[in-house]
Protein backbone atom coordinates (compact mmCIF):
# COMPACT_ATOMS: atom_id res chain seq x y z
CA MET A 1 35.58 -17.80 -20.36
CA PRO A 2 33.98 -16.92 -16.79
CA VAL A 3 32.33 -13.64 -17.07
CA GLN A 4 33.40 -11.28 -14.25
CA PRO A 5 30.69 -9.03 -12.70
CA LEU A 6 31.28 -5.29 -13.23
CA ASP A 7 33.14 -3.38 -10.47
CA LEU A 8 30.22 -1.06 -9.92
CA SER A 9 31.72 0.93 -7.06
CA LYS A 10 34.52 1.94 -9.42
CA VAL A 11 32.11 3.90 -11.46
CA LYS A 12 33.20 7.82 -11.73
CA VAL A 13 30.98 10.01 -11.07
CA TYR A 14 30.41 13.87 -11.95
CA PRO A 15 29.03 16.82 -10.14
CA LEU A 16 25.40 17.14 -11.49
CA GLY A 17 25.45 21.07 -12.04
CA GLU A 18 28.28 20.08 -14.60
CA ARG A 19 25.85 18.28 -16.73
CA ARG A 20 24.05 19.46 -19.84
CA SER A 21 20.41 19.19 -18.78
CA LEU A 22 17.92 19.96 -21.54
CA SER A 23 15.73 21.04 -19.57
CA ARG A 24 14.27 23.75 -16.87
CA VAL A 25 11.04 22.95 -14.97
CA GLU A 26 9.98 26.66 -15.47
CA GLU A 27 10.02 26.23 -19.12
CA VAL A 28 8.16 23.21 -19.22
CA LEU A 29 5.52 23.42 -16.30
CA VAL A 30 2.26 23.68 -17.44
CA GLU A 31 0.05 26.32 -15.26
CA PRO A 32 -2.94 24.34 -14.22
CA SER A 33 -5.32 27.68 -14.12
CA ASN A 34 -4.49 28.43 -17.79
CA ASP A 35 -7.13 27.26 -20.49
CA PRO A 36 -6.17 23.85 -21.33
CA ALA A 37 -5.27 23.39 -25.39
CA PRO A 38 -8.39 22.13 -26.95
CA CYS A 39 -9.08 18.10 -27.24
CA PRO A 40 -8.59 16.29 -30.49
CA ALA A 41 -11.19 14.74 -32.25
CA GLY A 42 -12.93 11.95 -30.32
CA VAL A 43 -11.42 12.95 -26.71
CA GLU A 44 -13.52 15.15 -25.03
CA PRO A 45 -15.98 12.49 -24.53
CA HIS A 46 -13.64 10.49 -22.76
CA VAL A 47 -12.52 13.80 -21.08
CA ASP A 48 -16.25 13.92 -19.63
CA ARG A 49 -17.10 10.01 -19.05
CA CYS A 50 -13.68 9.93 -17.05
CA ALA A 51 -14.45 13.43 -14.55
CA ALA A 52 -17.90 12.21 -14.07
CA GLU A 53 -16.77 8.76 -13.02
CA MET A 54 -14.20 10.16 -10.41
CA ALA A 55 -16.55 12.13 -9.21
CA ALA A 56 -18.48 9.27 -8.45
CA ALA A 57 -15.71 7.03 -7.43
CA ARG A 58 -14.60 9.88 -4.99
CA ARG A 59 -18.51 10.01 -2.96
CA ARG A 60 -18.85 6.12 -3.09
CA GLY A 61 -15.03 6.35 -1.39
CA ALA A 62 -13.50 4.23 -4.10
CA SER A 63 -9.73 4.72 -5.35
CA ILE A 64 -9.29 6.65 -7.74
CA MET A 65 -5.53 5.77 -9.32
CA LEU A 66 -3.38 7.35 -11.51
CA ILE A 67 -0.04 5.66 -12.90
CA TYR A 68 2.29 7.85 -14.95
CA GLY A 69 5.29 7.49 -17.24
CA ALA A 70 8.24 9.72 -16.76
CA HIS A 71 6.98 11.81 -19.66
CA LEU A 72 4.17 13.27 -17.45
CA VAL A 73 6.91 15.02 -15.65
CA LYS A 74 9.61 15.69 -18.38
CA ASN A 75 6.88 17.26 -20.33
CA GLY A 76 5.53 19.79 -17.24
CA GLY A 77 2.73 17.51 -16.10
CA GLN A 78 3.43 18.00 -12.48
CA LEU A 79 1.37 21.00 -11.10
CA LEU A 80 -1.65 19.42 -12.33
CA LEU A 81 -0.69 16.37 -10.30
CA ASN A 82 -0.42 17.96 -7.48
CA GLN A 83 -3.37 20.31 -7.90
CA LEU A 84 -5.26 16.86 -8.48
CA MET A 85 -3.87 16.19 -4.74
CA ASP A 86 -4.50 19.16 -3.53
CA ARG A 87 -8.11 18.88 -4.41
CA GLY A 88 -9.41 15.37 -3.11
CA TRP A 89 -9.31 13.99 -6.62
CA LEU A 90 -6.28 11.05 -6.05
CA SER A 91 -6.25 8.10 -3.73
CA HIS A 92 -3.50 6.60 -5.28
CA LEU A 93 0.11 7.59 -7.66
CA ALA A 94 1.99 5.38 -9.09
CA THR A 95 4.82 5.83 -11.67
CA ASN A 96 8.73 3.75 -12.72
CA GLY A 97 11.75 5.05 -11.98
CA ALA A 98 12.69 7.50 -14.32
CA GLY A 99 9.54 9.21 -13.04
CA THR A 100 10.81 9.62 -9.22
CA ILE A 101 14.36 10.85 -11.20
CA HIS A 102 12.89 13.64 -13.01
CA ASP A 103 10.63 14.58 -10.19
CA TRP A 104 13.66 14.99 -7.70
CA GLU A 105 16.13 16.08 -9.90
CA PHE A 106 13.89 19.27 -11.14
CA ALA A 107 12.94 19.93 -7.36
CA TYR A 108 16.99 19.56 -6.56
CA LEU A 109 18.21 21.35 -9.38
CA GLY A 110 15.35 23.16 -11.55
CA ARG A 111 16.92 21.19 -14.52
CA SER A 112 16.78 17.72 -15.57
CA THR A 113 17.42 15.02 -18.94
CA GLU A 114 20.62 14.58 -20.63
CA SER A 115 21.47 13.25 -24.05
CA VAL A 116 21.69 9.86 -24.01
CA ARG A 117 23.38 9.80 -27.22
CA ASP A 118 25.96 11.80 -26.46
CA ASN A 119 26.86 10.84 -22.65
CA VAL A 120 26.64 7.06 -23.22
CA ALA A 121 29.59 7.79 -25.84
CA THR A 122 31.32 9.56 -23.13
CA GLY A 123 30.81 6.93 -20.21
CA SER A 124 28.81 9.63 -18.35
CA PHE A 125 25.74 8.63 -18.93
CA GLY A 126 23.80 8.49 -16.14
CA THR A 127 26.95 9.20 -13.58
CA TRP A 128 25.63 12.16 -11.28
CA ASN A 129 26.76 12.16 -7.92
CA GLU A 130 23.66 13.95 -6.25
CA THR A 131 20.91 11.92 -8.45
CA GLY A 132 22.13 8.64 -7.23
CA ARG A 133 23.43 9.56 -3.69
CA ASN A 134 20.72 11.44 -2.73
CA ILE A 135 17.73 8.80 -3.85
CA HIS A 136 19.85 5.77 -2.30
CA LEU A 137 20.43 8.16 0.86
CA ALA A 138 16.69 8.52 1.12
CA LEU A 139 15.56 4.70 0.34
CA LEU A 140 18.37 3.57 3.15
CA ALA A 141 16.94 5.85 5.75
CA GLY A 142 13.33 5.57 4.55
CA ALA A 143 13.54 1.85 4.87
CA ILE A 144 14.77 1.81 8.95
CA GLN A 145 11.10 3.80 9.23
CA GLY A 146 9.90 0.88 6.81
CA ASP A 147 8.62 3.02 4.73
CA GLY A 148 8.94 2.48 0.46
CA TYR A 149 10.17 4.39 -2.36
CA GLY A 150 7.42 7.02 -3.15
CA ARG A 151 6.73 7.72 0.69
CA SER A 152 11.14 7.53 1.54
CA LEU A 153 11.93 9.88 -1.57
CA GLY A 154 8.90 12.31 -0.57
CA ARG A 155 9.85 12.65 2.93
CA HIS A 156 13.51 13.37 1.94
CA ILE A 157 12.39 16.05 -0.47
CA MET A 158 9.74 17.80 1.56
CA GLU A 159 11.98 17.63 4.77
CA ASP A 160 14.72 18.93 2.58
CA GLY A 161 17.03 15.69 3.84
CA VAL A 162 17.34 12.88 5.95
CA THR A 163 18.34 12.07 9.71
CA LEU A 164 20.78 9.51 9.77
CA PRO A 165 20.80 7.09 12.93
CA SER A 166 24.46 6.84 15.09
CA ARG A 167 26.44 3.45 14.12
CA LYS A 168 26.05 2.37 17.50
CA GLU A 169 22.28 2.51 17.98
CA LEU A 170 21.94 0.46 14.37
CA GLU A 171 24.94 -2.12 15.61
CA GLU A 172 23.01 -2.48 19.34
CA ALA A 173 19.28 -2.71 17.26
CA LEU A 174 21.02 -5.80 14.98
CA ARG A 175 22.36 -7.46 18.11
CA ARG A 176 19.18 -6.71 20.25
CA GLU A 177 16.60 -7.81 17.34
CA PRO A 178 18.74 -10.07 15.16
CA ASP A 179 14.91 -11.41 13.94
CA HIS A 180 13.55 -8.22 13.78
CA PRO A 181 11.78 -7.39 10.13
CA LEU A 182 13.73 -4.11 10.02
CA SER A 183 17.22 -5.81 11.21
CA PRO A 184 18.06 -6.32 6.91
CA SER A 185 17.35 -2.47 6.32
CA ARG A 186 19.47 -1.32 9.54
CA ALA A 187 22.49 -3.76 8.60
CA GLU A 188 22.14 -2.54 4.76
CA LEU A 189 22.49 1.35 5.61
CA LEU A 190 25.03 0.46 8.68
CA VAL A 191 27.16 -0.84 5.83
CA ALA A 192 26.23 1.91 3.52
CA MET A 193 27.16 4.36 6.15
CA ASN A 194 30.50 2.60 6.75
CA THR A 195 31.39 2.12 2.84
CA HIS A 196 30.57 5.57 1.65
CA GLN A 197 31.37 7.47 4.65
CA LEU A 198 27.93 8.84 5.30
CA ALA A 199 28.06 10.88 8.83
CA GLU A 200 26.04 10.34 11.32
CA GLY A 201 23.17 12.91 11.82
CA ARG A 202 21.17 15.44 9.66
CA HIS A 203 21.79 15.40 6.27
CA ILE A 204 20.37 18.56 4.85
CA VAL A 205 19.94 18.36 0.90
CA VAL A 206 17.77 21.43 -0.31
CA HIS A 207 15.15 21.93 -2.56
CA PRO A 208 14.59 24.76 -4.06
CA TRP A 209 11.31 23.90 -6.41
CA ARG A 210 9.87 21.40 -3.99
CA GLN A 211 6.62 22.71 -4.69
CA THR A 212 6.90 21.21 -8.09
CA SER A 213 7.67 17.71 -6.66
CA VAL A 214 4.58 15.06 -7.45
CA LEU A 215 6.68 13.41 -4.56
CA ALA A 216 6.78 16.00 -2.22
CA GLN A 217 3.29 16.99 -2.20
CA ALA A 218 1.80 13.21 -2.09
CA PHE A 219 3.54 13.24 1.27
CA ARG A 220 2.43 16.05 2.48
CA HIS A 221 -0.95 15.37 1.66
CA GLN A 222 -0.60 11.46 2.81
CA VAL A 223 -1.73 10.45 -0.66
CA ALA A 224 -0.43 7.04 -1.61
CA PHE A 225 2.68 7.13 -4.08
CA SER A 226 4.13 4.01 -5.24
CA VAL A 227 7.18 3.25 -7.37
CA HIS A 228 7.85 0.54 -9.44
CA PRO A 229 11.39 0.67 -10.67
CA GLY A 230 13.55 -2.11 -12.40
CA ILE A 231 16.82 -3.02 -11.38
CA GLY A 232 19.37 -1.33 -14.39
CA TYR A 233 16.59 0.60 -15.91
CA ASP A 234 17.54 3.77 -13.72
CA ILE A 235 20.26 5.66 -14.21
CA ILE A 236 20.66 5.55 -10.17
CA SER A 237 22.24 2.25 -11.29
CA ASN A 238 25.48 4.19 -12.54
CA HIS A 239 26.86 5.11 -9.25
CA PRO A 240 28.97 3.80 -6.52
CA MET A 241 26.25 3.66 -3.81
CA PHE A 242 23.59 1.45 -6.10
CA ASN A 243 22.24 -0.99 -4.27
CA GLY A 244 19.95 -3.20 -5.62
CA GLY A 245 18.58 -4.78 -2.51
CA ALA A 246 17.71 -1.29 -1.02
CA LEU A 247 16.05 -0.43 -4.38
CA GLY A 248 14.09 -3.88 -4.20
CA ARG A 249 13.14 -3.72 -0.45
CA ALA A 250 11.40 -0.40 -1.26
CA ALA A 251 10.03 -1.46 -4.05
CA GLY A 252 8.66 -4.51 -2.52
CA LEU A 253 6.68 -2.17 -0.05
CA ASP A 254 5.45 -0.01 -2.54
CA PHE A 255 3.94 -3.21 -4.88
CA ALA A 256 2.01 -4.02 -1.32
CA LEU A 257 0.98 -0.42 -1.08
CA PHE A 258 -0.66 -0.24 -4.75
CA GLY A 259 -2.48 -3.85 -4.00
CA GLY A 260 -4.10 -2.34 -1.15
CA SER A 261 -5.30 0.56 -3.41
CA VAL A 262 -6.31 -1.70 -6.40
CA ALA A 263 -8.28 -3.51 -3.08
CA GLN A 264 -10.55 -0.72 -2.81
CA LEU A 265 -11.19 -0.41 -6.33
CA ASP A 266 -14.75 -1.25 -6.29
CA GLY A 267 -16.71 1.60 -8.11
CA GLY A 268 -13.33 2.95 -8.70
CA VAL A 269 -10.99 4.61 -11.48
CA VAL A 270 -7.76 3.69 -12.74
CA LEU A 271 -5.92 5.73 -15.29
CA SER A 272 -2.96 5.07 -16.84
CA ILE A 273 -1.32 8.10 -18.53
CA GLY A 274 1.85 7.18 -20.61
CA SER A 275 2.68 4.17 -18.83
CA ALA A 276 3.12 1.43 -21.64
CA ILE A 277 5.25 -1.17 -19.42
CA MET A 278 5.17 -0.85 -15.68
CA GLY A 279 1.43 0.48 -15.61
CA PRO A 280 -0.48 -2.84 -17.31
CA GLN A 281 2.37 -5.20 -15.55
CA VAL A 282 2.08 -3.95 -11.78
CA PHE A 283 -1.64 -3.41 -12.32
CA GLU A 284 -2.73 -6.92 -13.57
CA LYS A 285 -0.19 -9.08 -11.23
CA SER A 286 -1.64 -6.84 -8.26
CA LEU A 287 -5.39 -7.86 -9.16
CA SER A 288 -4.61 -11.18 -9.22
CA CYS A 289 -3.28 -11.06 -5.77
CA VAL A 290 -6.33 -8.90 -4.70
CA ASN A 291 -8.70 -11.31 -6.20
CA ASN A 292 -6.72 -14.66 -5.15
CA LEU A 293 -7.22 -12.66 -1.46
CA ARG A 294 -11.04 -11.83 -1.87
CA LEU A 295 -11.40 -15.84 -3.26
CA GLN A 296 -9.62 -17.16 0.08
CA ALA A 297 -12.60 -14.76 2.05
CA GLY A 298 -15.33 -16.01 -0.10
CA LEU A 299 -15.84 -12.48 -1.79
CA PRO A 300 -16.22 -12.18 -5.31
CA VAL A 301 -13.62 -11.04 -7.69
CA LEU A 302 -13.02 -7.34 -8.46
CA ALA A 303 -14.86 -6.03 -11.67
CA ASP A 304 -16.87 -2.93 -10.77
CA PHE A 305 -14.07 -0.44 -11.88
CA SER A 306 -13.61 1.76 -14.82
CA ILE A 307 -9.69 1.80 -16.84
CA TYR A 308 -8.64 4.79 -19.09
CA VAL A 309 -5.78 4.27 -20.85
CA VAL A 310 -4.32 7.10 -22.74
CA ASP A 311 -1.19 7.25 -24.48
CA LEU A 312 0.07 9.19 -28.10
CA GLN A 313 -0.35 5.79 -29.74
CA ASP A 314 -2.61 4.79 -32.78
CA GLY A 315 -4.81 2.11 -30.38
CA GLY A 316 -5.01 -0.17 -33.85
CA GLN A 317 -7.88 1.03 -34.91
CA TRP A 318 -9.78 -0.72 -32.28
CA ASP A 319 -12.65 -0.46 -30.11
CA TRP A 320 -11.25 -1.68 -26.67
CA THR A 321 -14.26 -1.53 -24.85
CA GLN A 322 -15.70 -4.32 -27.00
CA GLY A 323 -12.86 -6.29 -24.99
CA GLU A 324 -9.62 -7.93 -26.73
CA PRO A 325 -9.10 -7.95 -31.04
CA PRO A 326 -8.79 -11.36 -32.31
CA ARG A 327 -5.27 -12.36 -32.96
CA GLU A 328 -5.18 -11.77 -36.76
CA ASN A 329 -5.62 -8.17 -36.10
CA ALA A 330 -2.79 -6.02 -35.65
CA ALA A 331 -4.02 -4.06 -32.38
CA TYR A 332 -4.10 -7.25 -30.46
CA TYR A 333 -0.10 -7.38 -30.47
CA LEU A 334 -0.66 -3.58 -28.65
CA ARG A 335 0.46 -5.29 -25.26
CA PHE A 336 -0.67 -2.40 -23.16
CA CYS A 337 -3.73 -2.09 -24.28
CA LYS A 338 -4.25 -6.15 -24.34
CA SER A 339 -2.93 -6.18 -20.59
CA PHE A 340 -5.22 -3.59 -19.34
CA SER A 341 -8.45 -4.98 -21.36
CA ARG A 342 -8.04 -8.46 -19.49
CA MET A 343 -8.25 -7.04 -16.28
CA GLY A 344 -12.26 -7.20 -16.08
CA GLY A 345 -14.04 -3.58 -15.41
CA ARG A 346 -14.66 -0.91 -18.60
CA MET A 347 -11.77 -0.48 -20.47
CA HIS A 348 -11.44 3.05 -22.63
CA TYR A 349 -8.67 3.79 -24.80
CA VAL A 350 -7.69 7.30 -25.41
CA GLN A 351 -4.91 8.21 -27.97
CA CYS A 352 -4.18 11.62 -26.58
CA ASP A 353 -0.78 13.93 -25.49
CA ASN A 354 -0.53 12.85 -22.01
CA VAL A 355 -0.55 16.54 -20.31
CA LEU A 356 -3.08 17.76 -22.51
CA PHE A 357 -5.79 15.41 -21.55
CA LEU A 358 -4.47 15.49 -17.54
CA HIS A 359 -4.97 19.16 -17.96
CA GLN A 360 -8.51 18.83 -19.73
CA LEU A 361 -9.39 16.33 -16.85
CA PHE A 362 -8.54 18.66 -14.41
CA SER A 363 -10.12 21.82 -15.83
CA ARG A 364 -13.39 19.54 -15.95
CA LEU A 365 -13.43 18.38 -12.74
CA ALA A 366 -12.34 22.15 -11.31
CA ARG A 367 -15.30 23.49 -13.05
CA GLY A 368 -17.49 20.90 -11.20
CA SER A 369 -18.95 19.83 -14.70
CA SER A 370 -19.14 16.58 -13.59
């Protein structure tokens, strides 16, 4: 029997404020000025080395990229990231779709996270109107300015909303410049405005906790922020406004932005904190593109950089500074470590709580001990 696709436009959504959210921003935030918890055994040398290498990279003007998973935000690391940006320690931030959803919900509502088990059973998991609506609104509005996911959502939070052009403006631009690079974005926004009755002009969306938002602070500081979502990976798929085209276009722009920072990694540092899937997968494709372009230009491939992979998981009892383990070693099958170890440069694996490592690193850098 032929399979009929679901009509996602009929998904029923609910007010975000009615959701039983499991975390409150004021309860999870870690205050950067407080003393961090002690380092677990063996972690302190990694923190010291990482801080020293970041200081050297900053002096050289090389990229310092921090790739993170959603739990860094869920567990309250936002102010640490924001302080690192404030002090010029990061040149690029990257996360997945979930990382931005928690960031936006905390900035807008001060609460985030739901019970997957309870809400899948009632068909309400992810069906939160404001989350899906506003993130799509930000991406659709940002796209007609040529902005990717990170910059579009950061602007939306920082400026408390977006301004949509008139339908007439969009229609005239499409007729006048049908082959303009922004025409697909203009057409998509026009369709979305008509389908979802989006008003022309200003859409004010107040974010009372925007000072906690990493996206907003990156936009304010003009620090590159790329987002690498998957289609159907994130709860904004569970919304009538779900638009894979808009999501893909924004993510495509951000992949190119990520590559621009990778291209400046000579003498630089990459931190992958709690990103076991997105981080290594995006990095390896991006690095390959950079090397492809370098070789075409007669330049050497990128090799002089350090990678710090931080995660709670045991690293397989393998010293990853020695390269990839043999196939008969169980550590060989830790995909996220193996991928990063194949990227050239100097890879260090650090088994540590994500927020604790970041707090310790911030403390070192703030003291100027590096």
